[in-house]
Amino acid sequence: MGKGLIFFCCSCAILLFTIINISIGPIISGKVGEEPENWGTANCKAAKDDYDVDKEDPNCNDDCLKYGAGWTLNFCNNGKAMYNMEYTSFIFDIVIGFICGLLGLLHLFDVKKEYVSKTGLIGLGCGFVGFVLTFVYVILNGIVFTNYYDDYNLYKTDSDGAFAELKGDKYECLYFDNEYNSHSIIAKYSDLNKKQYNYNKDFYESLAKVSGCLASPEDCRNNEYYPETFGNNFKANNCKYLYVNINTGSYLEKINGFTNKDKADRFLTVLILSIFVFLANIGLAIYGFLLFRKPEDF
C-alpha cells in the first residue's frame, strides 16, 4: 500500500470515527454535563475558594480535604475540561479529517501532484494537533468515567444488589473506603451499564425473595460497618447479606429503564473510538512527514 493511500485512509478514519463520536458524545448529546450544574459554565473559582478555606481549617485533616472540598474542586476542573475538550477535539478532528482526506483524494486521482509535499506538511501539522487534542480528551474522559457520578443517591452494589456482608457479629459495608470518603459507595459512570442499575426483571425478583434483608446503603456512607441498632434485626432474619431496598423513595425509578446504561455506553464507546482517532492522527502525522520528505513516494 502506497504512502499516499495510507495518508488518505488515516484521514478517512479520523473523519468517520469523529462523526460517530459527535453523534453519541455524552456531553454533546446532553446526557451528562447539564444537571445539576452545567459543566461548561461551572464556577470552579468558588470551589477553589472553598478548598482554600478548608485547607486552613485545623479541624479538617488531609482526608477531610481530599474527599470534601478537594473532590468537589477536582470534579469541577475535570468536568469543565472534558466539556470543553469534547467540543474542541471533535471539531478539530472533523476539520482535519475532511481537509486531509480531500487533499489525499485529489492526489490519488493525480490532481495537483506537485503539491504533495505541501499536503504532507499539512498532514504532519494537523496530525500532531489532532493527536494532542484527542489524547487529552481520552485522558479526561477516562478520569470522569471512572471517578465521578451525577446521582448522589444511586448506590454501588454487587450484581445481586448486596452492599453489606455479615462478618462475625457485624455487617461490613462492602464499598466503604474511608470515614471521609462518602463517594466510595456511589455508583460511578463506569458502573452504570451493569444490570443492577438498569431494568432487569430477574434482579427485581431476586430482591423480592430476600425482602427481610433489604436495607438502605445510606447508612454505609461514612461507616465501615452497618449500624448495629438496625443490624440486629437483620441477624434475627438470618441475613448473610444486606441488599439495597429499591422500593424506597425514587430508587426504583432510577433503575427502571436503560438511561444509566446509555450514559455508560456513550462514555465507553466514545473513549474507544477516540483512541482509534488519536492513533489515526499519529499515522497521519508520520505519513505526512514521509510525503513531505519524499513526495515522489505518494
C-alpha atoms as a PDB file:
ATOM      1  CA  MET A   1       0.000   0.000   0.000  1.00  0.00           C
ATOM      2  CA  GLY A   2       1.408   3.363  -1.055  1.00  0.00           C
ATOM      3  CA  LYS A   3       2.147   6.107   1.428  1.00  0.00           C
ATOM      4  CA  GLY A   4      -0.435   8.344  -0.195  1.00  0.00           C
ATOM      5  CA  LEU A   5      -3.174   5.753   0.200  1.00  0.00           C
ATOM      6  CA  ILE A   6      -2.288   5.227   3.866  1.00  0.00           C
ATOM      7  CA  PHE A   7      -2.371   9.010   4.346  1.00  0.00           C
ATOM      8  CA  PHE A   8      -5.847   9.076   2.813  1.00  0.00           C
ATOM      9  CA  CYS A   9      -7.062   6.119   4.909  1.00  0.00           C
ATOM     10  CA  CYS A  10      -5.857   7.760   8.134  1.00  0.00           C
ATOM     11  CA  SER A  11      -7.770  10.915   7.211  1.00  0.00           C
ATOM     12  CA  CYS A  12     -10.925   8.952   6.465  1.00  0.00           C
ATOM     13  CA  ALA A  13     -10.621   7.043   9.749  1.00  0.00           C
ATOM     14  CA  ILE A  14     -10.347  10.325  11.663  1.00  0.00           C
ATOM     15  CA  LEU A  15     -13.362  11.734   9.853  1.00  0.00           C
ATOM     16  CA  LEU A  16     -15.526   8.618  10.209  1.00  0.00           C
ATOM     17  CA  PHE A  17     -14.835   7.930  13.888  1.00  0.00           C
ATOM     18  CA  THR A  18     -15.271  11.592  14.807  1.00  0.00           C
ATOM     19  CA  ILE A  19     -18.642  11.789  13.048  1.00  0.00           C
ATOM     20  CA  ILE A  20     -19.746   8.817  15.158  1.00  0.00           C
ATOM     21  CA  ASN A  21     -18.333  10.469  18.286  1.00  0.00           C
ATOM     22  CA  ILE A  22     -20.251  13.672  17.613  1.00  0.00           C
ATOM     23  CA  SER A  23     -23.493  11.727  17.314  1.00  0.00           C
ATOM     24  CA  ILE A  24     -23.055   9.856  20.619  1.00  0.00           C
ATOM     25  CA  GLY A  25     -20.726  12.041  22.737  1.00  0.00           C
ATOM     26  CA  PRO A  26     -22.038  12.045  26.336  1.00  0.00           C
ATOM     27  CA  ILE A  27     -21.728  15.824  26.686  1.00  0.00           C
ATOM     28  CA  ILE A  28     -22.637  16.894  23.147  1.00  0.00           C
ATOM     29  CA  SER A  29     -25.742  14.688  23.300  1.00  0.00           C
ATOM     30  CA  GLY A  30     -26.744  16.326  26.597  1.00  0.00           C
ATOM     31  CA  LYS A  31     -26.811  13.051  28.513  1.00  0.00           C
ATOM     32  CA  VAL A  32     -24.318  14.353  31.086  1.00  0.00           C
ATOM     33  CA  GLY A  33     -22.842  17.723  31.965  1.00  0.00           C
ATOM     34  CA  GLU A  34     -26.120  19.631  32.185  1.00  0.00           C
ATOM     35  CA  GLU A  35     -27.573  18.749  35.595  1.00  0.00           C
ATOM     36  CA  PRO A  36     -27.428  19.653  38.421  1.00  0.00           C
ATOM     37  CA  GLU A  37     -24.943  22.238  37.123  1.00  0.00           C
ATOM     38  CA  ASN A  38     -23.666  22.847  33.621  1.00  0.00           C
ATOM     39  CA  TRP A  39     -20.069  21.627  33.497  1.00  0.00           C
ATOM     40  CA  GLY A  40     -19.089  24.154  30.872  1.00  0.00           C
ATOM     41  CA  THR A  41     -20.049  27.153  32.999  1.00  0.00           C
ATOM     42  CA  ALA A  42     -19.304  25.652  36.425  1.00  0.00           C
ATOM     43  CA  ASN A  43     -17.807  28.128  38.905  1.00  0.00           C
ATOM     44  CA  CYS A  44     -14.534  26.383  39.725  1.00  0.00           C
ATOM     45  CA  LYS A  45     -13.123  29.565  41.274  1.00  0.00           C
ATOM     46  CA  ALA A  46     -15.737  29.348  44.008  1.00  0.00           C
ATOM     47  CA  ALA A  47     -14.843  25.688  44.515  1.00  0.00           C
ATOM     48  CA  LYS A  48     -11.178  26.699  44.800  1.00  0.00           C
ATOM     49  CA  ASP A  49     -12.071  29.319  47.413  1.00  0.00           C
ATOM     50  CA  ASP A  50     -13.944  26.686  49.430  1.00  0.00           C
ATOM     51  CA  TYR A  51     -10.915  24.405  49.133  1.00  0.00           C
ATOM     52  CA  ASP A  52      -8.579  27.138  50.412  1.00  0.00           C
ATOM     53  CA  VAL A  53     -10.855  27.815  53.373  1.00  0.00           C
ATOM     54  CA  ASP A  54     -10.967  24.131  54.350  1.00  0.00           C
ATOM     55  CA  LYS A  55      -7.219  23.849  53.857  1.00  0.00           C
ATOM     56  CA  GLU A  56      -6.704  26.420  56.587  1.00  0.00           C
ATOM     57  CA  ASP A  57      -9.233  24.778  58.897  1.00  0.00           C
ATOM     58  CA  PRO A  58      -7.351  22.907  61.694  1.00  0.00           C
ATOM     59  CA  ASN A  59     -10.354  20.601  62.119  1.00  0.00           C
ATOM     60  CA  CYS A  60     -10.136  19.378  58.515  1.00  0.00           C
ATOM     61  CA  ASN A  61      -7.346  16.812  58.033  1.00  0.00           C
ATOM     62  CA  ASP A  62      -5.893  15.562  54.741  1.00  0.00           C
ATOM     63  CA  ASP A  63      -8.666  13.021  54.125  1.00  0.00           C
ATOM     64  CA  CYS A  64     -11.332  15.583  55.004  1.00  0.00           C
ATOM     65  CA  LEU A  65      -9.801  17.951  52.455  1.00  0.00           C
ATOM     66  CA  LYS A  66      -9.249  15.286  49.800  1.00  0.00           C
ATOM     67  CA  TYR A  67     -12.752  13.839  49.853  1.00  0.00           C
ATOM     68  CA  GLY A  68     -14.560  17.069  50.673  1.00  0.00           C
ATOM     69  CA  ALA A  69     -13.679  20.383  49.036  1.00  0.00           C
ATOM     70  CA  GLY A  70     -10.791  18.759  47.138  1.00  0.00           C
ATOM     71  CA  TRP A  71     -13.082  16.216  45.485  1.00  0.00           C
ATOM     72  CA  THR A  72     -15.558  18.930  44.527  1.00  0.00           C
ATOM     73  CA  LEU A  73     -12.786  21.099  43.061  1.00  0.00           C
ATOM     74  CA  ASN A  74     -11.320  18.211  41.063  1.00  0.00           C
ATOM     75  CA  PHE A  75     -14.730  17.245  39.716  1.00  0.00           C
ATOM     76  CA  CYS A  76     -15.365  20.835  38.676  1.00  0.00           C
ATOM     77  CA  ASN A  77     -11.997  21.155  36.918  1.00  0.00           C
ATOM     78  CA  ASN A  78     -12.094  17.747  35.243  1.00  0.00           C
ATOM     79  CA  GLY A  79     -15.737  18.035  34.223  1.00  0.00           C
ATOM     80  CA  LYS A  80     -15.239  21.506  32.786  1.00  0.00           C
ATOM     81  CA  ALA A  81     -12.081  20.446  30.952  1.00  0.00           C
ATOM     82  CA  MET A  82     -13.817  17.393  29.472  1.00  0.00           C
ATOM     83  CA  TYR A  83     -16.779  19.542  28.444  1.00  0.00           C
ATOM     84  CA  ASN A  84     -14.529  21.960  26.563  1.00  0.00           C
ATOM     85  CA  MET A  85     -12.268  19.283  25.090  1.00  0.00           C
ATOM     86  CA  GLU A  86     -15.162  17.193  23.787  1.00  0.00           C
ATOM     87  CA  TYR A  87     -16.275  20.090  21.609  1.00  0.00           C
ATOM     88  CA  THR A  88     -12.755  21.259  20.755  1.00  0.00           C
ATOM     89  CA  SER A  89     -11.220  17.900  19.851  1.00  0.00           C
ATOM     90  CA  PHE A  90     -14.247  16.700  17.876  1.00  0.00           C
ATOM     91  CA  ILE A  91     -14.460  19.900  15.822  1.00  0.00           C
ATOM     92  CA  PHE A  92     -10.738  19.922  15.076  1.00  0.00           C
ATOM     93  CA  ASP A  93     -10.738  16.228  14.142  1.00  0.00           C
ATOM     94  CA  ILE A  94     -13.665  16.732  11.762  1.00  0.00           C
ATOM     95  CA  VAL A  95     -11.820  19.588  10.038  1.00  0.00           C
ATOM     96  CA  ILE A  96      -8.534  17.655   9.978  1.00  0.00           C
ATOM     97  CA  GLY A  97     -10.128  14.516   8.564  1.00  0.00           C
ATOM     98  CA  PHE A  98     -12.048  16.400   5.899  1.00  0.00           C
ATOM     99  CA  ILE A  99      -9.190  18.628   4.698  1.00  0.00           C
ATOM    100  CA  CYS A 100      -6.507  15.944   4.655  1.00  0.00           C
ATOM    101  CA  GLY A 101      -8.884  13.380   3.204  1.00  0.00           C
ATOM    102  CA  LEU A 102      -9.888  15.739   0.389  1.00  0.00           C
ATOM    103  CA  LEU A 103      -6.262  16.610  -0.416  1.00  0.00           C
ATOM    104  CA  GLY A 104      -5.272  12.958  -0.341  1.00  0.00           C
ATOM    105  CA  LEU A 105      -8.158  12.003  -2.620  1.00  0.00           C
ATOM    106  CA  LEU A 106      -7.234  14.696  -5.157  1.00  0.00           C
ATOM    107  CA  HIS A 107      -3.641  13.477  -5.296  1.00  0.00           C
ATOM    108  CA  LEU A 108      -4.779   9.865  -5.671  1.00  0.00           C
ATOM    109  CA  PHE A 109      -6.542  10.993  -8.855  1.00  0.00           C
ATOM    110  CA  ASP A 110      -3.334  12.724  -9.981  1.00  0.00           C
ATOM    111  CA  VAL A 111      -4.685  16.209  -9.359  1.00  0.00           C
ATOM    112  CA  LYS A 112      -2.047  18.787  -8.361  1.00  0.00           C
ATOM    113  CA  LYS A 113       0.584  16.139  -7.611  1.00  0.00           C
ATOM    114  CA  GLU A 114       3.183  18.914  -7.474  1.00  0.00           C
ATOM    115  CA  TYR A 115       1.668  19.967  -4.126  1.00  0.00           C
ATOM    116  CA  VAL A 116       2.137  16.579  -2.442  1.00  0.00           C
ATOM    117  CA  SER A 117       4.977  17.887  -0.270  1.00  0.00           C
ATOM    118  CA  LYS A 118       2.771  20.728   0.980  1.00  0.00           C
ATOM    119  CA  THR A 119      -0.057  18.278   1.629  1.00  0.00           C
ATOM    120  CA  GLY A 120       2.380  16.171   3.601  1.00  0.00           C
ATOM    121  CA  LEU A 121       3.368  19.188   5.670  1.00  0.00           C
ATOM    122  CA  ILE A 122      -0.300  19.970   6.312  1.00  0.00           C
ATOM    123  CA  GLY A 123      -0.854  16.356   7.340  1.00  0.00           C
ATOM    124  CA  LEU A 124       2.118  16.485   9.702  1.00  0.00           C
ATOM    125  CA  GLY A 125       0.835  19.605  11.446  1.00  0.00           C
ATOM    126  CA  CYS A 126      -2.788  18.507  11.530  1.00  0.00           C
ATOM    127  CA  GLY A 127      -1.909  15.031  12.747  1.00  0.00           C
ATOM    128  CA  PHE A 128       0.185  16.412  15.600  1.00  0.00           C
ATOM    129  CA  VAL A 129      -2.527  18.863  16.699  1.00  0.00           C
ATOM    130  CA  GLY A 130      -5.234  16.226  16.388  1.00  0.00           C
ATOM    131  CA  PHE A 131      -3.189  13.724  18.390  1.00  0.00           C
ATOM    132  CA  VAL A 132      -2.593  16.164  21.258  1.00  0.00           C
ATOM    133  CA  LEU A 133      -6.221  17.309  21.472  1.00  0.00           C
ATOM    134  CA  THR A 134      -7.685  13.817  21.192  1.00  0.00           C
ATOM    135  CA  PHE A 135      -5.190  12.318  23.630  1.00  0.00           C
ATOM    136  CA  VAL A 136      -6.057  14.958  26.229  1.00  0.00           C
ATOM    137  CA  TYR A 137      -9.745  14.236  25.695  1.00  0.00           C
ATOM    138  CA  VAL A 138      -9.205  10.492  26.141  1.00  0.00           C
ATOM    139  CA  ILE A 139      -7.464  11.099  29.477  1.00  0.00           C
ATOM    140  CA  LEU A 140     -10.201  13.432  30.713  1.00  0.00           C
ATOM    141  CA  ASN A 141     -12.941  11.078  29.547  1.00  0.00           C
ATOM    142  CA  GLY A 142     -11.310   8.185  31.403  1.00  0.00           C
ATOM    143  CA  ILE A 143     -10.911  10.223  34.601  1.00  0.00           C
ATOM    144  CA  VAL A 144     -14.529  11.397  34.646  1.00  0.00           C
ATOM    145  CA  PHE A 145     -15.868   7.997  33.554  1.00  0.00           C
ATOM    146  CA  THR A 146     -14.210   6.084  36.380  1.00  0.00           C
ATOM    147  CA  ASN A 147     -14.254   8.608  39.235  1.00  0.00           C
ATOM    148  CA  TYR A 148     -17.427  10.657  39.124  1.00  0.00           C
ATOM    149  CA  TYR A 149     -21.213  10.422  39.058  1.00  0.00           C
ATOM    150  CA  ASP A 150     -24.274  12.645  38.771  1.00  0.00           C
ATOM    151  CA  ASP A 151     -26.637  10.856  41.162  1.00  0.00           C
ATOM    152  CA  TYR A 152     -25.624  11.040  44.800  1.00  0.00           C
ATOM    153  CA  ASN A 153     -28.295   8.515  45.786  1.00  0.00           C
ATOM    154  CA  LEU A 154     -27.596   5.709  43.322  1.00  0.00           C
ATOM    155  CA  TYR A 155     -25.612   3.299  45.474  1.00  0.00           C
ATOM    156  CA  LYS A 156     -22.914   0.850  44.472  1.00  0.00           C
ATOM    157  CA  THR A 157     -23.892  -2.812  44.944  1.00  0.00           C
ATOM    158  CA  ASP A 158     -22.733  -6.167  43.622  1.00  0.00           C
ATOM    159  CA  SER A 159     -24.632  -7.948  40.841  1.00  0.00           C
ATOM    160  CA  ASP A 160     -27.100  -9.362  43.383  1.00  0.00           C
ATOM    161  CA  GLY A 161     -27.819  -5.957  44.898  1.00  0.00           C
ATOM    162  CA  ALA A 162     -25.808  -6.600  48.077  1.00  0.00           C
ATOM    163  CA  PHE A 163     -23.908  -3.788  49.748  1.00  0.00           C
ATOM    164  CA  ALA A 164     -23.004  -5.304  53.146  1.00  0.00           C
ATOM    165  CA  GLU A 165     -21.939  -8.765  54.364  1.00  0.00           C
ATOM    166  CA  LEU A 166     -22.195 -10.317  57.807  1.00  0.00           C
ATOM    167  CA  LYS A 167     -18.698 -10.931  59.141  1.00  0.00           C
ATOM    168  CA  GLY A 168     -18.552 -12.081  62.725  1.00  0.00           C
ATOM    169  CA  ASP A 169     -21.308 -10.234  64.509  1.00  0.00           C
ATOM    170  CA  LYS A 170     -21.285  -7.123  62.288  1.00  0.00           C
ATOM    171  CA  TYR A 171     -22.356  -6.269  58.776  1.00  0.00           C
ATOM    172  CA  GLU A 172     -19.324  -4.981  56.900  1.00  0.00           C
ATOM    173  CA  CYS A 173     -20.050  -2.365  54.247  1.00  0.00           C
ATOM    174  CA  LEU A 174     -18.572  -3.775  51.033  1.00  0.00           C
ATOM    175  CA  TYR A 175     -17.708  -0.445  49.436  1.00  0.00           C
ATOM    176  CA  PHE A 176     -16.517   1.511  52.455  1.00  0.00           C
ATOM    177  CA  ASP A 177     -13.157   3.178  51.850  1.00  0.00           C
ATOM    178  CA  ASN A 178     -12.588   5.970  54.365  1.00  0.00           C
ATOM    179  CA  GLU A 179     -14.686   7.687  57.007  1.00  0.00           C
ATOM    180  CA  TYR A 180     -14.475  10.894  54.973  1.00  0.00           C
ATOM    181  CA  ASN A 181     -14.987   9.270  51.584  1.00  0.00           C
ATOM    182  CA  SER A 182     -18.727   9.266  51.119  1.00  0.00           C
ATOM    183  CA  HIS A 183     -18.193   8.888  47.351  1.00  0.00           C
ATOM    184  CA  SER A 184     -16.968   5.294  47.536  1.00  0.00           C
ATOM    185  CA  ILE A 185     -20.460   3.865  47.989  1.00  0.00           C
ATOM    186  CA  ILE A 186     -21.907   5.725  44.981  1.00  0.00           C
ATOM    187  CA  ALA A 187     -22.126   4.116  41.534  1.00  0.00           C
ATOM    188  CA  LYS A 188     -19.785   5.880  39.099  1.00  0.00           C
ATOM    189  CA  TYR A 189     -20.450   6.398  35.390  1.00  0.00           C
ATOM    190  CA  SER A 190     -18.341   3.309  34.663  1.00  0.00           C
ATOM    191  CA  ASP A 191     -20.673   1.174  36.812  1.00  0.00           C
ATOM    192  CA  LEU A 192     -23.910   2.224  35.182  1.00  0.00           C
ATOM    193  CA  ASN A 193     -24.023  -0.392  32.411  1.00  0.00           C
ATOM    194  CA  LYS A 194     -24.394  -3.225  34.953  1.00  0.00           C
ATOM    195  CA  LYS A 195     -27.705  -4.988  35.427  1.00  0.00           C
ATOM    196  CA  GLN A 196     -28.298  -3.717  38.975  1.00  0.00           C
ATOM    197  CA  TYR A 197     -28.544  -0.149  37.707  1.00  0.00           C
ATOM    198  CA  ASN A 198     -30.946  -0.817  34.834  1.00  0.00           C
ATOM    199  CA  TYR A 199     -34.235  -2.562  34.196  1.00  0.00           C
ATOM    200  CA  ASN A 200     -33.841  -6.252  34.939  1.00  0.00           C
ATOM    201  CA  LYS A 201     -36.821  -8.410  35.858  1.00  0.00           C
ATOM    202  CA  ASP A 202     -34.699 -11.211  37.307  1.00  0.00           C
ATOM    203  CA  PHE A 203     -32.885  -8.724  39.533  1.00  0.00           C
ATOM    204  CA  TYR A 204     -36.160  -7.352  40.878  1.00  0.00           C
ATOM    205  CA  GLU A 205     -37.481 -10.853  41.546  1.00  0.00           C
ATOM    206  CA  SER A 206     -34.280 -11.900  43.343  1.00  0.00           C
ATOM    207  CA  LEU A 207     -34.623  -8.933  45.722  1.00  0.00           C
ATOM    208  CA  ALA A 208     -38.256  -9.808  46.390  1.00  0.00           C
ATOM    209  CA  LYS A 209     -37.082 -13.213  47.674  1.00  0.00           C
ATOM    210  CA  VAL A 210     -34.898 -11.549  50.338  1.00  0.00           C
ATOM    211  CA  SER A 211     -37.392  -8.883  51.417  1.00  0.00           C
ATOM    212  CA  GLY A 212     -36.396  -9.368  55.061  1.00  0.00           C
ATOM    213  CA  CYS A 213     -32.817  -8.355  54.238  1.00  0.00           C
ATOM    214  CA  LEU A 214     -33.484  -5.124  52.361  1.00  0.00           C
ATOM    215  CA  ALA A 215     -31.850  -2.009  53.791  1.00  0.00           C
ATOM    216  CA  SER A 216     -30.558   1.431  52.826  1.00  0.00           C
ATOM    217  CA  PRO A 217     -26.882   1.758  51.802  1.00  0.00           C
ATOM    218  CA  GLU A 218     -27.122   5.349  53.046  1.00  0.00           C
ATOM    219  CA  ASP A 219     -26.051   4.074  56.477  1.00  0.00           C
ATOM    220  CA  CYS A 220     -22.739   2.919  54.958  1.00  0.00           C
ATOM    221  CA  ARG A 221     -21.898   6.369  53.611  1.00  0.00           C
ATOM    222  CA  ASN A 222     -19.235   7.067  56.238  1.00  0.00           C
ATOM    223  CA  ASN A 223     -19.302   3.829  58.204  1.00  0.00           C
ATOM    224  CA  GLU A 224     -17.232   0.682  57.850  1.00  0.00           C
ATOM    225  CA  TYR A 225     -19.998  -1.351  59.467  1.00  0.00           C
ATOM    226  CA  TYR A 226     -23.748  -1.128  59.173  1.00  0.00           C
ATOM    227  CA  PRO A 227     -25.191   0.357  62.425  1.00  0.00           C
ATOM    228  CA  GLU A 228     -25.808  -2.367  64.995  1.00  0.00           C
ATOM    229  CA  THR A 229     -29.080  -0.757  66.003  1.00  0.00           C
ATOM    230  CA  PHE A 230     -30.543  -1.879  62.673  1.00  0.00           C
ATOM    231  CA  GLY A 231     -28.226  -4.805  62.068  1.00  0.00           C
ATOM    232  CA  ASN A 232     -29.600  -6.859  64.958  1.00  0.00           C
ATOM    233  CA  ASN A 233     -32.965  -7.044  63.220  1.00  0.00           C
ATOM    234  CA  PHE A 234     -31.357  -8.464  60.105  1.00  0.00           C
ATOM    235  CA  LYS A 235     -29.365 -11.015  62.058  1.00  0.00           C
ATOM    236  CA  ALA A 236     -32.646 -12.207  63.520  1.00  0.00           C
ATOM    237  CA  ASN A 237     -33.787 -12.797  59.934  1.00  0.00           C
ATOM    238  CA  ASN A 238     -30.600 -14.840  59.240  1.00  0.00           C
ATOM    239  CA  CYS A 239     -29.428 -12.360  56.611  1.00  0.00           C
ATOM    240  CA  LYS A 240     -25.943 -13.180  55.318  1.00  0.00           C
ATOM    241  CA  TYR A 241     -26.015 -10.070  53.126  1.00  0.00           C
ATOM    242  CA  LEU A 242     -27.881  -6.783  53.177  1.00  0.00           C
ATOM    243  CA  TYR A 243     -29.449  -5.792  49.867  1.00  0.00           C
ATOM    244  CA  VAL A 244     -30.421  -2.397  48.545  1.00  0.00           C
ATOM    245  CA  ASN A 245     -34.056  -1.593  49.123  1.00  0.00           C
ATOM    246  CA  ILE A 246     -35.200  -0.457  45.697  1.00  0.00           C
ATOM    247  CA  ASN A 247     -38.702   0.253  46.980  1.00  0.00           C
ATOM    248  CA  THR A 248     -37.723   3.318  48.998  1.00  0.00           C
ATOM    249  CA  GLY A 249     -38.124   6.827  47.676  1.00  0.00           C
ATOM    250  CA  SER A 250     -37.480   7.122  43.949  1.00  0.00           C
ATOM    251  CA  TYR A 251     -34.774   4.446  43.805  1.00  0.00           C
ATOM    252  CA  LEU A 252     -36.801   2.081  41.618  1.00  0.00           C
ATOM    253  CA  GLU A 253     -37.468   4.927  39.203  1.00  0.00           C
ATOM    254  CA  LYS A 254     -33.713   5.481  38.864  1.00  0.00           C
ATOM    255  CA  ILE A 255     -33.094   1.897  37.703  1.00  0.00           C
ATOM    256  CA  ASN A 256     -36.402   1.119  35.970  1.00  0.00           C
ATOM    257  CA  GLY A 257     -35.109   1.808  32.484  1.00  0.00           C
ATOM    258  CA  PHE A 258     -31.883   1.945  30.481  1.00  0.00           C
ATOM    259  CA  THR A 259     -30.900   5.564  30.998  1.00  0.00           C
ATOM    260  CA  ASN A 260     -27.933   4.594  33.152  1.00  0.00           C
ATOM    261  CA  LYS A 261     -26.670   2.035  30.628  1.00  0.00           C
ATOM    262  CA  ASP A 262     -26.991   4.621  27.883  1.00  0.00           C
ATOM    263  CA  LYS A 263     -24.718   7.030  29.790  1.00  0.00           C
ATOM    264  CA  ALA A 264     -22.062   4.395  30.454  1.00  0.00           C
ATOM    265  CA  ASP A 265     -22.156   3.080  26.881  1.00  0.00           C
ATOM    266  CA  ARG A 266     -21.734   6.575  25.439  1.00  0.00           C
ATOM    267  CA  PHE A 267     -18.709   7.242  27.628  1.00  0.00           C
ATOM    268  CA  LEU A 268     -17.110   3.904  26.791  1.00  0.00           C
ATOM    269  CA  THR A 269     -17.848   3.960  23.058  1.00  0.00           C
ATOM    270  CA  VAL A 270     -16.505   7.484  22.610  1.00  0.00           C
ATOM    271  CA  LEU A 271     -13.450   6.605  24.702  1.00  0.00           C
ATOM    272  CA  ILE A 272     -12.626   3.610  22.488  1.00  0.00           C
ATOM    273  CA  LEU A 273     -13.278   5.438  19.216  1.00  0.00           C
ATOM    274  CA  SER A 274     -11.198   8.408  20.386  1.00  0.00           C
ATOM    275  CA  ILE A 275      -8.269   6.061  20.965  1.00  0.00           C
ATOM    276  CA  PHE A 276      -8.573   4.990  17.313  1.00  0.00           C
ATOM    277  CA  VAL A 277      -8.764   8.650  16.319  1.00  0.00           C
ATOM    278  CA  PHE A 278      -5.541   9.667  18.056  1.00  0.00           C
ATOM    279  CA  LEU A 279      -3.799   6.589  16.611  1.00  0.00           C
ATOM    280  CA  ALA A 280      -5.006   7.635  13.163  1.00  0.00           C
ATOM    281  CA  ASN A 281      -3.674  11.142  13.861  1.00  0.00           C
ATOM    282  CA  ILE A 282      -0.277   9.627  14.634  1.00  0.00           C
ATOM    283  CA  GLY A 283      -0.419   7.780  11.315  1.00  0.00           C
ATOM    284  CA  LEU A 284      -1.437  10.971   9.530  1.00  0.00           C
ATOM    285  CA  ALA A 285       1.498  12.880  11.044  1.00  0.00           C
ATOM    286  CA  ILE A 286       4.021  10.126  10.248  1.00  0.00           C
ATOM    287  CA  TYR A 287       2.958   9.649   6.636  1.00  0.00           C
ATOM    288  CA  GLY A 288       2.554  13.383   6.209  1.00  0.00           C
ATOM    289  CA  PHE A 289       6.195  13.757   7.223  1.00  0.00           C
ATOM    290  CA  LEU A 290       7.269  10.968   4.843  1.00  0.00           C
ATOM    291  CA  LEU A 291       5.390  12.576   1.967  1.00  0.00           C
ATOM    292  CA  PHE A 292       6.894  15.955   2.811  1.00  0.00           C
ATOM    293  CA  ARG A 293      10.379  14.470   2.577  1.00  0.00           C
ATOM    294  CA  LYS A 294       9.751  12.297  -0.480  1.00  0.00           C
ATOM    295  CA  PRO A 295       6.643  13.459  -2.377  1.00  0.00           C
ATOM    296  CA  GLU A 296       7.522  11.124  -5.235  1.00  0.00           C
ATOM    297  CA  ASP A 297       6.601   8.152  -2.983  1.00  0.00           C
ATOM    298  CA  PHE A 298       2.945   9.154  -2.974  1.00  0.00           C
END
